[in-house]
């Protein structure tokens, strides 16, 4: 099932109920402070009060859900027979990934979550307890959501078919990142997903984890079409963008005029089984003119600029459907 970047109805309704009667101005002020903290390299430890949690949920949850949806869609392309029954969500926050995975994989019967932020955990339990899908309600009703340090809780945990570490590596100490990466892979029975902010720093963490896991024998499922060293060099970096709609409240809280935003993210998916190979990944928005379409592609041999002339009508038409982040098969 291909996921939409839009929040599922039950998650959206839960957030709307929590926001009812709250001052949008106060939420906007807290959201702005959180944005400054994240841009400065801070993490979720600054989300301390109930109002902080709500501000985060109303401003960041829709964007991280959209990024997760894009990554799970990529899994469907390269691991088309992947049908996980269990999932471990590391750095689960308000349950964003759990909601997305429950939509993407109807086979899930067991969802476990880990996070060190008590306020975000409490919000997740509230939202999942009111969810439409039984697997989410079961996770909320039992002892499935562990509160504590991710590295400590990962040690010796029961493996899951799908393991997701979304926007959490940025909160791991640099000297503990290798151990964290090893523990994530030890907990992975099928596929491991790592998502980070689409900044050079986020990409750097993803790249480091990617390289360490490939060295242990992990198969690269996305986004790279190969397991070779990344061909990009600074100031360039590998990242993608997912567009998502903004509600009226979302625009008011963010002080934005446009009815959409683009969440930029870096990611990698590694699997125990060999994925279905792709020939290329679109690394940037293709440039379309009346005469040509030029696309920046990552291929096994490195980075190439693919140019399609309008004179070649069939090729031009096919290239016109390419979007940033797409996997493609070259003719």
Foldseek 3Di string as FASTA:
>chain_A
DQDDLAQPPLLVVLLVVVCPPPDLQVLLVLLVVVVVQVVVLHDPVVQADLSNLSSCCLAPLSFLLSVLSLVLNLCCVWVVPQAWQEEEEEQCFLNSNVSSVVVSHVNHQYYAYEHAHPSSVVNNLSSLCRDPDPSSVVCSPDCRYDHDDRLVVLVPDAATQEYEYEQCLSVDDPVCLLSSLVSSVVNHPWKYKYKHAQQPVQQVSQLVSLLSVVVVPWAWRDDALDSDRAQDDPPDGAKFWGKDFADPSNCSSNVHDDGIDIGIMDMTMTTPDHIHGFAWWFRAAWDDDPFWTWTWIQGPVHIDIDIDGVVPVVVRVVVVPDGHGDTHHDD
